[in-house]
Every structure is written in structure tokens, then in C-alpha cells.
């Protein structure tokens, strides 16, 4: 999940995602949870700590 209040839309997370699960959509950045590996690459590069992983049901 991306915390939209923290995300500065730098888009660095899109560049590092190995499965292209992160997309920019209408001015927001979204993670496609159906293909996200939760590898942490995006979280590691996020300078504003806007990316939060939650356990999937």
C-alpha cells in the first residue's frame, strides 16, 4: 500500500520494481497486489517511507 499523504510521486519505486507491479495512474502511484512479490525493493528506495506492506488475507 502507498500512503498518499507521504508519497511525493518521485516514481523511483516504479523503476526498481522487478515485476512492474507499480504504476502511476491519474496522478497517484498504485501497487498491483496481485503481482507484487513484496520483495521490498520499492520500500527500500522510498525516501518518504510511503510504502507499507500489510499481510494479505
Foldseek 3Di string as FASTA:
>chain_A
DFQPVQDPPPCVLCVFQPQSQWDQDPNRIDGNVVPHPPPCRSCVPDPRNRDDDDDDD
